[in-house]
Amino acid sequence: PGFIGARLREAREARGLSGMALAEILGLTRAAVSSYELAGKSPSPEVMDRISNVLQMPESYFRYQIRPRKAGPIFYRSMKAATKSARRRAEQRYTWLREIVSYLRGHVEFPAQRLPQLDIPNDPVLLSLDQVETFALQARHFYGIADGPIPNVVSLLENNGVISTRDALGADTLDAFSEFDPEEQRLYMVLGTENASAVRSRF
């Protein structure tokens, strides 16, 4: 009772499994998995136990209500050769980050967000190298950073209200992505662990 099919699809995609692959692992038909995800049919206790074990999620997760939200565009650090399924996997895992943050807000006060307001053209192709240098200097001035290397970029961002995390995005072709949430007016940033060299993460 209370099974939510959208949660099954969310967990399946977050684990990088197609509907057919999950059906084969569970010993079910593809139609049965579709009926759980889309048709409002609830799995038997035995099947639910297998689903929970295979997807490594507690059974209570599949009864947890999904809060609708207005999503902003997601900007990927790199999308070359990234498959649609890889992006879907990463974005489903990102929804888990959003739910964790929503829960933590009931117990922790996050720093207020402070981002420099820069007059950047809508089309980044129009940016000149001189403009990039100017914006970088303006951002340093905004945060009170002297010339030279920044000791910890992530710490700087988090102390100014940006929510950041590292996660296994499941594809070497995905470095990182971010979203500016239009409801919260807050920036979220996800760094992949597959290419986790310090230089690449800072970039």
Protein backbone atom coordinates (compact mmCIF):
# COMPACT_ATOMS: atom_id res chain seq x y z
CA PRO A 1 0.00 0.00 0.00
CA GLY A 2 1.18 3.49 -0.88
CA PHE A 3 3.59 2.31 -3.58
CA ILE A 4 4.54 5.16 -5.95
CA GLY A 5 5.52 3.99 -9.42
CA ALA A 6 7.44 7.18 -10.22
CA ARG A 7 9.83 6.29 -7.40
CA LEU A 8 10.59 2.95 -9.04
CA ARG A 9 11.41 4.66 -12.32
CA GLU A 10 13.50 7.25 -10.48
CA ALA A 11 15.54 4.60 -8.65
CA ARG A 12 15.90 2.44 -11.77
CA GLU A 13 17.24 5.34 -13.84
CA ALA A 14 19.48 6.51 -10.99
CA ARG A 15 21.08 3.05 -11.01
CA GLY A 16 21.57 3.24 -14.78
CA LEU A 17 19.16 0.38 -15.60
CA SER A 18 16.73 0.17 -18.48
CA GLY A 19 13.24 -1.21 -17.88
CA MET A 20 14.19 -4.40 -19.71
CA ALA A 21 17.39 -4.85 -17.68
CA LEU A 22 15.54 -4.45 -14.39
CA ALA A 23 12.85 -6.87 -15.53
CA GLU A 24 15.46 -9.52 -16.36
CA ILE A 25 17.22 -9.10 -12.99
CA LEU A 26 13.90 -9.38 -11.14
CA GLY A 27 12.71 -12.32 -13.24
CA LEU A 28 9.70 -10.34 -14.51
CA THR A 29 8.42 -9.20 -17.88
CA ARG A 30 9.09 -5.69 -19.18
CA ALA A 31 5.33 -5.18 -19.16
CA ALA A 32 5.18 -5.95 -15.44
CA VAL A 33 7.83 -3.34 -14.64
CA SER A 34 5.98 -0.82 -16.82
CA SER A 35 2.74 -1.54 -14.99
CA TYR A 36 4.46 -0.77 -11.67
CA GLU A 37 5.98 2.44 -12.98
CA LEU A 38 3.13 3.81 -15.07
CA ALA A 39 -0.15 2.00 -14.45
CA GLY A 40 -0.43 2.34 -10.70
CA LYS A 41 -0.08 -1.38 -10.05
CA SER A 42 1.63 -2.33 -6.77
CA PRO A 43 4.14 -5.21 -6.63
CA SER A 44 3.57 -8.14 -4.30
CA PRO A 45 5.57 -8.18 -1.04
CA GLU A 46 7.97 -10.75 -2.52
CA VAL A 47 8.59 -8.67 -5.66
CA MET A 48 8.88 -5.51 -3.57
CA ASP A 49 11.59 -7.17 -1.51
CA ARG A 50 13.53 -8.06 -4.68
CA ILE A 51 13.13 -4.53 -6.06
CA SER A 52 14.44 -3.04 -2.81
CA ASN A 53 17.47 -5.35 -2.82
CA VAL A 54 18.34 -4.88 -6.48
CA LEU A 55 18.02 -1.08 -6.43
CA GLN A 56 19.60 -0.82 -2.96
CA MET A 57 16.83 1.38 -1.61
CA PRO A 58 14.67 0.83 1.50
CA GLU A 59 11.06 -0.11 0.81
CA SER A 60 9.93 3.12 2.50
CA TYR A 61 11.59 5.06 -0.32
CA PHE A 62 9.00 3.72 -2.77
CA ARG A 63 6.19 5.22 -0.65
CA TYR A 64 7.82 8.63 -0.19
CA GLN A 65 5.77 11.34 -1.88
CA ILE A 66 7.41 13.30 -4.69
CA ARG A 67 7.24 17.06 -4.23
CA PRO A 68 6.69 18.77 -7.57
CA ARG A 69 9.02 21.66 -8.26
CA LYS A 70 9.81 24.11 -11.03
CA ALA A 71 13.17 23.06 -12.45
CA GLY A 72 15.70 25.37 -14.07
CA PRO A 73 17.95 24.47 -17.00
CA ILE A 74 20.83 22.14 -16.16
CA PHE A 75 24.24 23.20 -17.42
CA TYR A 76 26.79 20.45 -18.01
CA ARG A 77 30.51 21.04 -17.75
CA SER A 78 30.99 18.59 -20.62
CA MET A 79 28.45 16.78 -22.76
CA LYS A 80 30.65 15.44 -25.54
CA ALA A 81 29.81 11.79 -26.15
CA ALA A 82 27.55 11.76 -23.06
CA THR A 83 24.57 9.50 -23.68
CA LYS A 84 21.01 10.43 -22.86
CA SER A 85 20.83 7.57 -20.33
CA ALA A 86 24.00 8.86 -18.59
CA ARG A 87 22.48 12.33 -18.25
CA ARG A 88 19.21 10.85 -17.02
CA ARG A 89 21.06 8.79 -14.41
CA ALA A 90 22.95 11.85 -13.19
CA GLU A 91 19.81 13.99 -13.02
CA GLN A 92 17.85 11.36 -11.10
CA ARG A 93 20.65 11.15 -8.54
CA TYR A 94 20.54 14.94 -8.41
CA THR A 95 16.89 14.74 -7.31
CA TRP A 96 18.13 12.74 -4.30
CA LEU A 97 20.50 15.59 -3.42
CA ARG A 98 17.56 18.00 -3.58
CA GLU A 99 15.54 15.83 -1.18
CA ILE A 100 18.48 15.47 1.22
CA VAL A 101 18.92 19.26 1.26
CA SER A 102 15.18 19.76 1.78
CA TYR A 103 15.32 17.45 4.81
CA LEU A 104 18.44 19.09 6.24
CA ARG A 105 16.79 22.52 6.03
CA GLY A 106 14.57 21.41 8.88
CA HIS A 107 17.67 21.03 11.09
CA VAL A 108 20.42 23.24 9.63
CA GLU A 109 20.49 26.88 8.58
CA PHE A 110 22.36 27.16 5.29
CA PRO A 111 24.42 30.29 4.54
CA ALA A 112 22.62 33.00 2.59
CA GLN A 113 23.55 32.94 -1.07
CA ARG A 114 25.88 35.68 -2.29
CA LEU A 115 26.72 35.69 -5.99
CA PRO A 116 28.30 38.60 -7.89
CA GLN A 117 25.98 40.34 -10.36
CA LEU A 118 27.96 40.55 -13.60
CA ASP A 119 26.82 42.12 -16.86
CA ILE A 120 27.48 39.04 -18.99
CA PRO A 121 26.08 38.81 -22.55
CA ASN A 122 23.36 36.19 -23.10
CA ASP A 123 25.46 34.50 -25.77
CA PRO A 124 28.77 33.35 -24.23
CA VAL A 125 30.31 33.18 -27.71
CA LEU A 126 30.31 36.99 -27.67
CA LEU A 127 32.63 37.08 -24.63
CA SER A 128 36.15 38.29 -25.30
CA LEU A 129 39.14 37.15 -23.25
CA ASP A 130 39.46 40.70 -21.88
CA GLN A 131 35.86 40.54 -20.65
CA VAL A 132 36.49 37.17 -18.98
CA GLU A 133 39.49 38.68 -17.20
CA THR A 134 37.40 41.69 -16.12
CA PHE A 135 34.59 39.50 -14.76
CA ALA A 136 37.12 37.36 -12.88
CA LEU A 137 38.57 40.48 -11.24
CA GLN A 138 35.06 41.71 -10.36
CA ALA A 139 34.23 38.35 -8.76
CA ARG A 140 37.48 38.45 -6.75
CA HIS A 141 36.63 41.97 -5.58
CA PHE A 142 33.09 40.90 -4.63
CA TYR A 143 34.41 38.07 -2.43
CA GLY A 144 37.42 40.00 -1.14
CA ILE A 145 39.95 37.64 -2.74
CA ALA A 146 43.46 38.89 -3.45
CA ASP A 147 45.39 37.98 -6.60
CA GLY A 148 46.86 34.50 -6.64
CA PRO A 149 45.52 30.97 -6.25
CA ILE A 150 42.24 30.47 -4.35
CA PRO A 151 42.94 27.92 -1.57
CA ASN A 152 39.58 26.12 -1.81
CA VAL A 153 37.04 27.06 -4.48
CA VAL A 154 34.32 24.69 -3.18
CA SER A 155 34.65 26.04 0.36
CA LEU A 156 34.39 29.59 -0.98
CA LEU A 157 31.19 28.75 -2.87
CA GLU A 158 29.62 26.79 0.00
CA ASN A 159 30.32 29.58 2.49
CA ASN A 160 28.42 31.86 0.12
CA GLY A 161 25.34 29.66 -0.08
CA VAL A 162 26.04 27.39 -3.07
CA ILE A 163 25.02 23.77 -2.49
CA SER A 164 27.71 21.45 -3.82
CA THR A 165 28.41 17.74 -3.73
CA ARG A 166 30.49 15.03 -5.33
CA ASP A 167 28.83 11.98 -6.83
CA ALA A 168 29.57 9.06 -9.12
CA LEU A 169 27.84 10.25 -12.28
CA GLY A 170 28.41 6.89 -13.93
CA ALA A 171 30.08 8.20 -17.09
CA ASP A 172 33.59 9.39 -17.86
CA THR A 173 32.01 11.83 -20.31
CA LEU A 174 30.22 13.79 -17.55
CA ASP A 175 32.49 16.04 -15.50
CA ALA A 176 30.00 18.17 -13.59
CA PHE A 177 26.74 20.08 -13.88
CA SER A 178 24.85 22.84 -12.15
CA GLU A 179 21.35 24.25 -11.82
CA PHE A 180 20.12 27.60 -10.58
CA ASP A 181 16.87 26.75 -8.82
CA PRO A 182 14.21 29.30 -9.86
CA GLU A 183 12.09 28.68 -6.74
CA GLU A 184 14.83 28.80 -4.12
CA GLN A 185 16.99 31.26 -6.08
CA ARG A 186 19.95 29.07 -5.12
CA LEU A 187 22.75 27.50 -7.12
CA TYR A 188 23.36 23.73 -6.96
CA MET A 189 26.60 22.20 -8.23
CA VAL A 190 27.45 18.51 -8.70
CA LEU A 191 31.04 17.39 -9.34
CA GLY A 192 31.67 13.93 -10.78
CA THR A 193 34.07 11.61 -9.01
CA GLU A 194 35.16 9.73 -12.16
CA ASN A 195 37.51 12.54 -13.27
CA ALA A 196 38.30 13.89 -9.82
CA SER A 197 41.72 15.42 -10.36
CA ALA A 198 42.03 18.67 -8.41
CA VAL A 199 42.72 20.75 -11.53
CA ARG A 200 39.74 19.35 -13.41
CA SER A 201 37.39 19.81 -10.45
CA ARG A 202 38.47 23.44 -10.01
CA PHE A 203 37.91 24.07 -13.70
